[in-house]
PDB file of all heavy atoms in Angstrom:
ATOM      1  N   LEU A   1       0.832  -1.203   0.000  1.00  0.00           N
ATOM      2  CA  LEU A   1       0.000   0.000   0.000  1.00  0.00           C
ATOM      3  C   LEU A   1       0.864   1.249   0.000  1.00  0.00           C
ATOM      4  O   LEU A   1       0.584   2.212  -0.737  1.00  0.00           O
ATOM      5  CB  LEU A   1      -0.919  -0.013   1.224  1.00  0.00           C
ATOM      6  CG  LEU A   1      -1.871   1.182   1.373  1.00  0.00           C
ATOM      7  CD1 LEU A   1      -2.891   1.201   0.248  1.00  0.00           C
ATOM      8  CD2 LEU A   1      -2.579   1.138   2.722  1.00  0.00           C
ATOM      9  N   LYS A   2       1.940   1.260   0.796  1.00  0.00           N
ATOM     10  CA  LYS A   2       2.851   2.390   0.811  1.00  0.00           C
ATOM     11  C   LYS A   2       3.534   2.556  -0.549  1.00  0.00           C
ATOM     12  O   LYS A   2       3.707   3.675  -1.042  1.00  0.00           O
ATOM     13  CB  LYS A   2       3.899   2.199   1.916  1.00  0.00           C
ATOM     14  CG  LYS A   2       3.326   2.284   3.318  1.00  0.00           C
ATOM     15  CD  LYS A   2       2.679   3.637   3.560  1.00  0.00           C
ATOM     16  CE  LYS A   2       2.070   3.746   4.936  1.00  0.00           C
ATOM     17  NZ  LYS A   2       1.366   5.048   5.134  1.00  0.00           N
ATOM     18  N   PHE A   3       3.947   1.411  -1.133  1.00  0.00           N
ATOM     19  CA  PHE A   3       4.554   1.462  -2.463  1.00  0.00           C
ATOM     20  C   PHE A   3       3.578   2.034  -3.477  1.00  0.00           C
ATOM     21  O   PHE A   3       3.955   2.829  -4.351  1.00  0.00           O
ATOM     22  CB  PHE A   3       4.989   0.056  -2.887  1.00  0.00           C
ATOM     23  CG  PHE A   3       5.401  -0.030  -4.336  1.00  0.00           C
ATOM     24  CD1 PHE A   3       6.667   0.376  -4.741  1.00  0.00           C
ATOM     25  CD2 PHE A   3       4.520  -0.509  -5.299  1.00  0.00           C
ATOM     26  CE1 PHE A   3       7.046   0.303  -6.076  1.00  0.00           C
ATOM     27  CE2 PHE A   3       4.882  -0.580  -6.634  1.00  0.00           C
ATOM     28  CZ  PHE A   3       6.153  -0.166  -7.021  1.00  0.00           C
ATOM     29  N   TRP A   4       2.298   1.659  -3.378  1.00  0.00           N
ATOM     30  CA  TRP A   4       1.266   2.137  -4.293  1.00  0.00           C
ATOM     31  C   TRP A   4       1.122   3.650  -4.190  1.00  0.00           C
ATOM     32  O   TRP A   4       0.995   4.350  -5.198  1.00  0.00           O
ATOM     33  CB  TRP A   4      -0.047   1.448  -3.935  1.00  0.00           C
ATOM     34  CG  TRP A   4      -1.094   1.497  -5.011  1.00  0.00           C
ATOM     35  CD1 TRP A   4      -1.161   2.343  -6.071  1.00  0.00           C
ATOM     36  CD2 TRP A   4      -2.228   0.637  -5.121  1.00  0.00           C
ATOM     37  NE1 TRP A   4      -2.268   2.084  -6.831  1.00  0.00           N
ATOM     38  CE2 TRP A   4      -2.939   1.037  -6.269  1.00  0.00           C
ATOM     39  CE3 TRP A   4      -2.719  -0.414  -4.362  1.00  0.00           C
ATOM     40  CZ2 TRP A   4      -4.105   0.415  -6.675  1.00  0.00           C
ATOM     41  CZ3 TRP A   4      -3.887  -1.036  -4.767  1.00  0.00           C
ATOM     42  CH2 TRP A   4      -4.563  -0.628  -5.908  1.00  0.00           C
ATOM     43  N   GLU A   5       1.134   4.172  -2.972  1.00  0.00           N
ATOM     44  CA  GLU A   5       1.021   5.614  -2.783  1.00  0.00           C
ATOM     45  C   GLU A   5       2.185   6.355  -3.443  1.00  0.00           C
ATOM     46  O   GLU A   5       1.998   7.378  -4.094  1.00  0.00           O
ATOM     47  CB  GLU A   5       0.967   5.939  -1.292  1.00  0.00           C
ATOM     48  CG  GLU A   5      -0.308   5.464  -0.598  1.00  0.00           C
ATOM     49  CD  GLU A   5      -0.293   5.749   0.876  1.00  0.00           C
ATOM     50  OE1 GLU A   5       0.804   6.059   1.404  1.00  0.00           O
ATOM     51  OE2 GLU A   5      -1.352   5.673   1.517  1.00  0.00           O
ATOM     52  N   ILE A   6       3.402   5.801  -3.247  1.00  0.00           N
ATOM     53  CA  ILE A   6       4.590   6.421  -3.847  1.00  0.00           C
ATOM     54  C   ILE A   6       4.502   6.365  -5.368  1.00  0.00           C
ATOM     55  O   ILE A   6       4.812   7.348  -6.058  1.00  0.00           O
ATOM     56  CB  ILE A   6       5.865   5.721  -3.347  1.00  0.00           C
ATOM     57  CG1 ILE A   6       6.025   5.928  -1.837  1.00  0.00           C
ATOM     58  CG2 ILE A   6       7.094   6.240  -4.088  1.00  0.00           C
ATOM     59  CD1 ILE A   6       7.138   5.113  -1.222  1.00  0.00           C
ATOM     60  N   TYR A   7       4.080   5.219  -5.895  1.00  0.00           N
ATOM     61  CA  TYR A   7       3.961   5.064  -7.343  1.00  0.00           C
ATOM     62  C   TYR A   7       2.979   6.082  -7.924  1.00  0.00           C
ATOM     63  O   TYR A   7       3.269   6.750  -8.934  1.00  0.00           O
ATOM     64  CB  TYR A   7       3.492   3.646  -7.687  1.00  0.00           C
ATOM     65  CG  TYR A   7       3.086   3.496  -9.138  1.00  0.00           C
ATOM     66  CD1 TYR A   7       4.037   3.264 -10.124  1.00  0.00           C
ATOM     67  CD2 TYR A   7       1.749   3.624  -9.523  1.00  0.00           C
ATOM     68  CE1 TYR A   7       3.677   3.155 -11.456  1.00  0.00           C
ATOM     69  CE2 TYR A   7       1.375   3.524 -10.845  1.00  0.00           C
ATOM     70  CZ  TYR A   7       2.338   3.278 -11.807  1.00  0.00           C
ATOM     71  OH  TYR A   7       1.973   3.180 -13.124  1.00  0.00           O
ATOM     72  N   LEU A   8       1.819   6.218  -7.293  1.00  0.00           N
ATOM     73  CA  LEU A   8       0.813   7.146  -7.814  1.00  0.00           C
ATOM     74  C   LEU A   8       1.306   8.590  -7.765  1.00  0.00           C
ATOM     75  O   LEU A   8       1.067   9.370  -8.692  1.00  0.00           O
ATOM     76  CB  LEU A   8      -0.482   7.012  -7.012  1.00  0.00           C
ATOM     77  CG  LEU A   8      -1.386   5.830  -7.371  1.00  0.00           C
ATOM     78  CD1 LEU A   8      -2.602   5.803  -6.464  1.00  0.00           C
ATOM     79  CD2 LEU A   8      -1.817   5.893  -8.824  1.00  0.00           C
ATOM     80  N   GLN A   9       1.990   8.925  -6.686  1.00  0.00           N
ATOM     81  CA  GLN A   9       2.511  10.288  -6.574  1.00  0.00           C
ATOM     82  C   GLN A   9       3.512  10.577  -7.686  1.00  0.00           C
ATOM     83  O   GLN A   9       3.459  11.638  -8.327  1.00  0.00           O
ATOM     84  CB  GLN A   9       3.159  10.485  -5.205  1.00  0.00           C
ATOM     85  CG  GLN A   9       3.626  11.915  -4.964  1.00  0.00           C
ATOM     86  CD  GLN A   9       4.209  12.099  -3.586  1.00  0.00           C
ATOM     87  OE1 GLN A   9       4.500  11.133  -2.890  1.00  0.00           O
ATOM     88  NE2 GLN A   9       4.388  13.337  -3.174  1.00  0.00           N
ATOM     89  N   GLN A  10       4.412   9.618  -7.935  1.00  0.00           N
ATOM     90  CA  GLN A  10       5.392   9.809  -8.990  1.00  0.00           C
ATOM     91  C   GLN A  10       4.731   9.818 -10.369  1.00  0.00           C
ATOM     92  O   GLN A  10       5.092  10.638 -11.232  1.00  0.00           O
ATOM     93  CB  GLN A  10       6.450   8.688  -8.922  1.00  0.00           C
ATOM     94  CG  GLN A  10       7.293   8.706  -7.662  1.00  0.00           C
ATOM     95  CD  GLN A  10       8.042  10.013  -7.489  1.00  0.00           C
ATOM     96  OE1 GLN A  10       8.610  10.542  -8.448  1.00  0.00           O
ATOM     97  NE2 GLN A  10       8.059  10.538  -6.268  1.00  0.00           N
ATOM     98  N   GLU A  11       3.779   8.935 -10.594  1.00  0.00           N
ATOM     99  CA  GLU A  11       3.092   8.891 -11.884  1.00  0.00           C
ATOM    100  C   GLU A  11       2.353  10.194 -12.168  1.00  0.00           C
ATOM    101  O   GLU A  11       2.371  10.712 -13.291  1.00  0.00           O
ATOM    102  CB  GLU A  11       2.109   7.717 -11.924  1.00  0.00           C
ATOM    103  CG  GLU A  11       1.412   7.562 -13.269  1.00  0.00           C
ATOM    104  CD  GLU A  11       0.300   6.546 -13.227  1.00  0.00           C
ATOM    105  OE1 GLU A  11      -0.745   6.834 -12.601  1.00  0.00           O
ATOM    106  OE2 GLU A  11       0.460   5.467 -13.817  1.00  0.00           O
ATOM    107  N   GLN A  12       1.711  10.725 -11.147  1.00  0.00           N
ATOM    108  CA  GLN A  12       0.966  11.963 -11.322  1.00  0.00           C
ATOM    109  C   GLN A  12       1.892  13.146 -11.594  1.00  0.00           C
ATOM    110  O   GLN A  12       1.580  14.013 -12.411  1.00  0.00           O
ATOM    111  CB  GLN A  12       0.103  12.210 -10.077  1.00  0.00           C
ATOM    112  CG  GLN A  12      -1.046  11.229  -9.961  1.00  0.00           C
ATOM    113  CD  GLN A  12      -1.693  11.247  -8.582  1.00  0.00           C
ATOM    114  OE1 GLN A  12      -1.246  11.952  -7.679  1.00  0.00           O
ATOM    115  NE2 GLN A  12      -2.733  10.458  -8.411  1.00  0.00           N
ATOM    116  N   GLN A  13       3.033  13.184 -10.909  1.00  0.00           N
ATOM    117  CA  GLN A  13       3.987  14.264 -11.163  1.00  0.00           C
ATOM    118  C   GLN A  13       4.553  14.177 -12.583  1.00  0.00           C
ATOM    119  O   GLN A  13       4.661  15.192 -13.280  1.00  0.00           O
ATOM    120  CB  GLN A  13       5.119  14.193 -10.132  1.00  0.00           C
ATOM    121  CG  GLN A  13       4.698  14.567  -8.720  1.00  0.00           C
ATOM    122  CD  GLN A  13       5.817  14.406  -7.724  1.00  0.00           C
ATOM    123  OE1 GLN A  13       6.902  13.916  -8.059  1.00  0.00           O
ATOM    124  NE2 GLN A  13       5.577  14.795  -6.480  1.00  0.00           N
ATOM    125  N   ILE A  14       4.895  12.960 -13.010  1.00  0.00           N
ATOM    126  CA  ILE A  14       5.422  12.775 -14.362  1.00  0.00           C
ATOM    127  C   ILE A  14       4.352  13.081 -15.398  1.00  0.00           C
ATOM    128  O   ILE A  14       4.623  13.701 -16.436  1.00  0.00           O
ATOM    129  CB  ILE A  14       5.955  11.338 -14.539  1.00  0.00           C
ATOM    130  CG1 ILE A  14       7.160  11.117 -13.611  1.00  0.00           C
ATOM    131  CG2 ILE A  14       6.356  11.067 -15.989  1.00  0.00           C
ATOM    132  CD1 ILE A  14       7.633   9.679 -13.558  1.00  0.00           C
ATOM    133  N   PHE A  15       3.111  12.661 -15.130  1.00  0.00           N
ATOM    134  CA  PHE A  15       2.015  12.936 -16.053  1.00  0.00           C
ATOM    135  C   PHE A  15       1.815  14.437 -16.245  1.00  0.00           C
ATOM    136  O   PHE A  15       1.655  14.917 -17.372  1.00  0.00           O
ATOM    137  CB  PHE A  15       0.723  12.302 -15.537  1.00  0.00           C
ATOM    138  CG  PHE A  15      -0.482  12.582 -16.405  1.00  0.00           C
ATOM    139  CD1 PHE A  15      -0.781  11.757 -17.480  1.00  0.00           C
ATOM    140  CD2 PHE A  15      -1.306  13.671 -16.160  1.00  0.00           C
ATOM    141  CE1 PHE A  15      -1.880  12.010 -18.285  1.00  0.00           C
ATOM    142  CE2 PHE A  15      -2.398  13.936 -16.957  1.00  0.00           C
ATOM    143  CZ  PHE A  15      -2.691  13.094 -18.029  1.00  0.00           C
ATOM    144  N   LYS A  16       1.841  15.177 -15.138  1.00  0.00           N
ATOM    145  CA  LYS A  16       1.658  16.623 -15.245  1.00  0.00           C
ATOM    146  C   LYS A  16       2.797  17.266 -16.024  1.00  0.00           C
ATOM    147  O   LYS A  16       2.581  18.154 -16.855  1.00  0.00           O
ATOM    148  CB  LYS A  16       1.563  17.244 -13.856  1.00  0.00           C
ATOM    149  CG  LYS A  16       1.259  18.733 -13.884  1.00  0.00           C
ATOM    150  CD  LYS A  16       1.025  19.294 -12.506  1.00  0.00           C
ATOM    151  CE  LYS A  16       0.667  20.763 -12.579  1.00  0.00           C
ATOM    152  NZ  LYS A  16       0.430  21.346 -11.229  1.00  0.00           N
ATOM    153  N   SER A  17       4.020  16.798 -15.776  1.00  0.00           N
ATOM    154  CA  SER A  17       5.172  17.331 -16.498  1.00  0.00           C
ATOM    155  C   SER A  17       5.072  17.032 -17.992  1.00  0.00           C
ATOM    156  O   SER A  17       5.272  17.918 -18.837  1.00  0.00           O
ATOM    157  CB  SER A  17       6.456  16.742 -15.914  1.00  0.00           C
ATOM    158  OG  SER A  17       7.583  17.156 -16.654  1.00  0.00           O
ATOM    159  N   GLN A  18       4.751  15.775 -18.329  1.00  0.00           N
ATOM    160  CA  GLN A  18       4.639  15.392 -19.731  1.00  0.00           C
ATOM    161  C   GLN A  18       3.456  16.085 -20.409  1.00  0.00           C
ATOM    162  O   GLN A  18       3.541  16.500 -21.574  1.00  0.00           O
ATOM    163  CB  GLN A  18       4.487  13.866 -19.846  1.00  0.00           C
ATOM    164  CG  GLN A  18       5.722  13.083 -19.452  1.00  0.00           C
ATOM    165  CD  GLN A  18       6.859  13.267 -20.442  1.00  0.00           C
ATOM    166  OE1 GLN A  18       6.636  13.366 -21.641  1.00  0.00           O
ATOM    167  NE2 GLN A  18       8.080  13.325 -19.927  1.00  0.00           N
ATOM    168  N   ALA A  19       2.349  16.221 -19.678  1.00  0.00           N
ATOM    169  CA  ALA A  19       1.177  16.897 -20.242  1.00  0.00           C
ATOM    170  C   ALA A  19       1.477  18.366 -20.515  1.00  0.00           C
ATOM    171  O   ALA A  19       1.065  18.915 -21.545  1.00  0.00           O
ATOM    172  CB  ALA A  19      -0.013  16.765 -19.282  1.00  0.00           C
ATOM    173  N   THR A  20       2.195  19.014 -19.598  1.00  0.00           N
ATOM    174  CA  THR A  20       2.576  20.414 -19.805  1.00  0.00           C
ATOM    175  C   THR A  20       3.482  20.557 -21.018  1.00  0.00           C
ATOM    176  O   THR A  20       3.304  21.463 -21.847  1.00  0.00           O
ATOM    177  CB  THR A  20       3.273  20.958 -18.548  1.00  0.00           C
ATOM    178  OG1 THR A  20       2.410  20.820 -17.419  1.00  0.00           O
ATOM    179  CG2 THR A  20       3.635  22.426 -18.723  1.00  0.00           C
ATOM    180  N   GLU A  21       4.455  19.664 -21.124  1.00  0.00           N
ATOM    181  CA  GLU A  21       5.386  19.702 -22.258  1.00  0.00           C
ATOM    182  C   GLU A  21       4.665  19.454 -23.581  1.00  0.00           C
ATOM    183  O   GLU A  21       4.889  20.164 -24.563  1.00  0.00           O
ATOM    184  CB  GLU A  21       6.482  18.653 -22.049  1.00  0.00           C
ATOM    185  CG  GLU A  21       7.518  18.619 -23.157  1.00  0.00           C
ATOM    186  CD  GLU A  21       8.583  17.559 -22.915  1.00  0.00           C
ATOM    187  OE1 GLU A  21       8.681  17.057 -21.772  1.00  0.00           O
ATOM    188  OE2 GLU A  21       9.309  17.218 -23.882  1.00  0.00           O
ATOM    189  N   HIS A  22       3.772  18.463 -23.589  1.00  0.00           N
ATOM    190  CA  HIS A  22       3.044  18.132 -24.821  1.00  0.00           C
ATOM    191  C   HIS A  22       2.098  19.264 -25.214  1.00  0.00           C
ATOM    192  O   HIS A  22       2.001  19.633 -26.398  1.00  0.00           O
ATOM    193  CB  HIS A  22       2.256  16.835 -24.618  1.00  0.00           C
ATOM    194  CG  HIS A  22       1.598  16.318 -25.861  1.00  0.00           C
ATOM    195  ND1 HIS A  22       2.242  15.513 -26.776  1.00  0.00           N
ATOM    196  CD2 HIS A  22       0.346  16.519 -26.350  1.00  0.00           C
ATOM    197  CE1 HIS A  22       1.411  15.222 -27.773  1.00  0.00           C
ATOM    198  NE2 HIS A  22       0.253  15.820 -27.530  1.00  0.00           N
ATOM    199  N   ALA A  23       1.376  19.815 -24.227  1.00  0.00           N
ATOM    200  CA  ALA A  23       0.444  20.907 -24.515  1.00  0.00           C
ATOM    201  C   ALA A  23       1.186  22.146 -25.019  1.00  0.00           C
ATOM    202  O   ALA A  23       0.716  22.838 -25.931  1.00  0.00           O
ATOM    203  CB  ALA A  23      -0.362  21.243 -23.266  1.00  0.00           C
ATOM    204  N   THR A  24       2.356  22.424 -24.433  1.00  0.00           N
ATOM    205  CA  THR A  24       3.158  23.566 -24.875  1.00  0.00           C
ATOM    206  C   THR A  24       3.625  23.376 -26.311  1.00  0.00           C
ATOM    207  O   THR A  24       3.570  24.308 -27.133  1.00  0.00           O
ATOM    208  CB  THR A  24       4.365  23.755 -23.948  1.00  0.00           C
ATOM    209  OG1 THR A  24       3.907  23.937 -22.599  1.00  0.00           O
ATOM    210  CG2 THR A  24       5.186  24.967 -24.361  1.00  0.00           C
ATOM    211  N   GLN A  25       4.081  22.169 -26.621  1.00  0.00           N
ATOM    212  CA  GLN A  25       4.547  21.871 -27.970  1.00  0.00           C
ATOM    213  C   GLN A  25       3.409  22.004 -28.988  1.00  0.00           C
ATOM    214  O   GLN A  25       3.576  22.586 -30.062  1.00  0.00           O
ATOM    215  CB  GLN A  25       5.128  20.460 -28.022  1.00  0.00           C
ATOM    216  CG  GLN A  25       5.644  20.052 -29.394  1.00  0.00           C
ATOM    217  CD  GLN A  25       6.160  18.616 -29.402  1.00  0.00           C
ATOM    218  OE1 GLN A  25       6.253  17.982 -28.353  1.00  0.00           O
ATOM    219  NE2 GLN A  25       6.499  18.115 -30.573  1.00  0.00           N
ATOM    220  N   LEU A  26       2.247  21.476 -28.628  1.00  0.00           N
ATOM    221  CA  LEU A  26       1.098  21.547 -29.533  1.00  0.00           C
ATOM    222  C   LEU A  26       0.635  22.990 -29.721  1.00  0.00           C
ATOM    223  O   LEU A  26       0.308  23.414 -30.839  1.00  0.00           O
ATOM    224  CB  LEU A  26      -0.053  20.694 -28.978  1.00  0.00           C
ATOM    225  CG  LEU A  26      -1.330  20.617 -29.818  1.00  0.00           C
ATOM    226  CD1 LEU A  26      -1.037  20.013 -31.196  1.00  0.00           C
ATOM    227  CD2 LEU A  26      -2.393  19.804 -29.090  1.00  0.00           C
ATOM    228  N   ALA A  27       0.627  23.758 -28.635  1.00  0.00           N
ATOM    229  CA  ALA A  27       0.210  25.157 -28.721  1.00  0.00           C
ATOM    230  C   ALA A  27       1.183  25.965 -29.583  1.00  0.00           C
ATOM    231  O   ALA A  27       0.768  26.795 -30.413  1.00  0.00           O
ATOM    232  CB  ALA A  27       0.109  25.755 -27.319  1.00  0.00           C
ATOM    233  N   LYS A  28       2.474  25.748 -29.395  1.00  0.00           N
ATOM    234  CA  LYS A  28       3.468  26.454 -30.204  1.00  0.00           C
ATOM    235  C   LYS A  28       3.302  26.136 -31.687  1.00  0.00           C
ATOM    236  O   LYS A  28       3.376  27.026 -32.547  1.00  0.00           O
ATOM    237  CB  LYS A  28       4.876  26.071 -29.744  1.00  0.00           C
ATOM    238  CG  LYS A  28       5.302  26.705 -28.430  1.00  0.00           C
ATOM    239  CD  LYS A  28       6.739  26.306 -28.082  1.00  0.00           C
ATOM    240  CE  LYS A  28       7.199  26.990 -26.796  1.00  0.00           C
ATOM    241  NZ  LYS A  28       8.579  26.607 -26.441  1.00  0.00           N
ATOM    242  N   GLU A  29       3.078  24.873 -32.000  1.00  0.00           N
ATOM    243  CA  GLU A  29       2.925  24.463 -33.399  1.00  0.00           C
ATOM    244  C   GLU A  29       1.690  25.102 -34.022  1.00  0.00           C
ATOM    245  O   GLU A  29       1.725  25.597 -35.156  1.00  0.00           O
ATOM    246  CB  GLU A  29       2.830  22.936 -33.478  1.00  0.00           C
ATOM    247  CG  GLU A  29       2.725  22.372 -34.891  1.00  0.00           C
ATOM    248  CD  GLU A  29       3.984  22.618 -35.707  1.00  0.00           C
ATOM    249  OE1 GLU A  29       5.071  22.793 -35.100  1.00  0.00           O
ATOM    250  OE2 GLU A  29       3.881  22.629 -36.949  1.00  0.00           O
ATOM    251  N   ASN A  30       0.574  25.120 -33.289  1.00  0.00           N
ATOM    252  CA  ASN A  30      -0.661  25.698 -33.819  1.00  0.00           C
ATOM    253  C   ASN A  30      -0.537  27.210 -34.018  1.00  0.00           C
ATOM    254  O   ASN A  30      -0.992  27.758 -35.030  1.00  0.00           O
ATOM    255  CB  ASN A  30      -1.832  25.384 -32.886  1.00  0.00           C
ATOM    256  CG  ASN A  30      -2.218  23.919 -32.917  1.00  0.00           C
ATOM    257  OD1 ASN A  30      -2.006  23.238 -33.925  1.00  0.00           O
ATOM    258  ND2 ASN A  30      -2.775  23.427 -31.832  1.00  0.00           N
ATOM    259  N   VAL A  31       0.065  27.900 -33.041  1.00  0.00           N
ATOM    260  CA  VAL A  31       0.239  29.351 -33.167  1.00  0.00           C
ATOM    261  C   VAL A  31       1.192  29.680 -34.307  1.00  0.00           C
ATOM    262  O   VAL A  31       0.970  30.621 -35.086  1.00  0.00           O
ATOM    263  CB  VAL A  31       0.739  29.943 -31.829  1.00  0.00           C
ATOM    264  CG1 VAL A  31       1.093  31.413 -31.997  1.00  0.00           C
ATOM    265  CG2 VAL A  31      -0.311  29.782 -30.745  1.00  0.00           C
ATOM    266  N   LYS A  32       2.265  28.905 -34.432  1.00  0.00           N
ATOM    267  CA  LYS A  32       3.233  29.119 -35.501  1.00  0.00           C
ATOM    268  C   LYS A  32       2.569  28.952 -36.870  1.00  0.00           C
ATOM    269  O   LYS A  32       2.779  29.781 -37.779  1.00  0.00           O
ATOM    270  CB  LYS A  32       4.385  28.125 -35.353  1.00  0.00           C
ATOM    271  CG  LYS A  32       5.429  28.207 -36.456  1.00  0.00           C
ATOM    272  CD  LYS A  32       6.507  27.150 -36.248  1.00  0.00           C
ATOM    273  CE  LYS A  32       7.505  27.175 -37.397  1.00  0.00           C
ATOM    274  NZ  LYS A  32       8.541  26.124 -37.236  1.00  0.00           N
TER     275      LYS A  32
END
């Protein structure tokens, strides 16, 4: 259960980072 909590926390942080990067890339391409 403790491992699961750590995994979810890390997954969510990575997801937010990747989502921000992907959204920024897509927005730049569309504006360009």
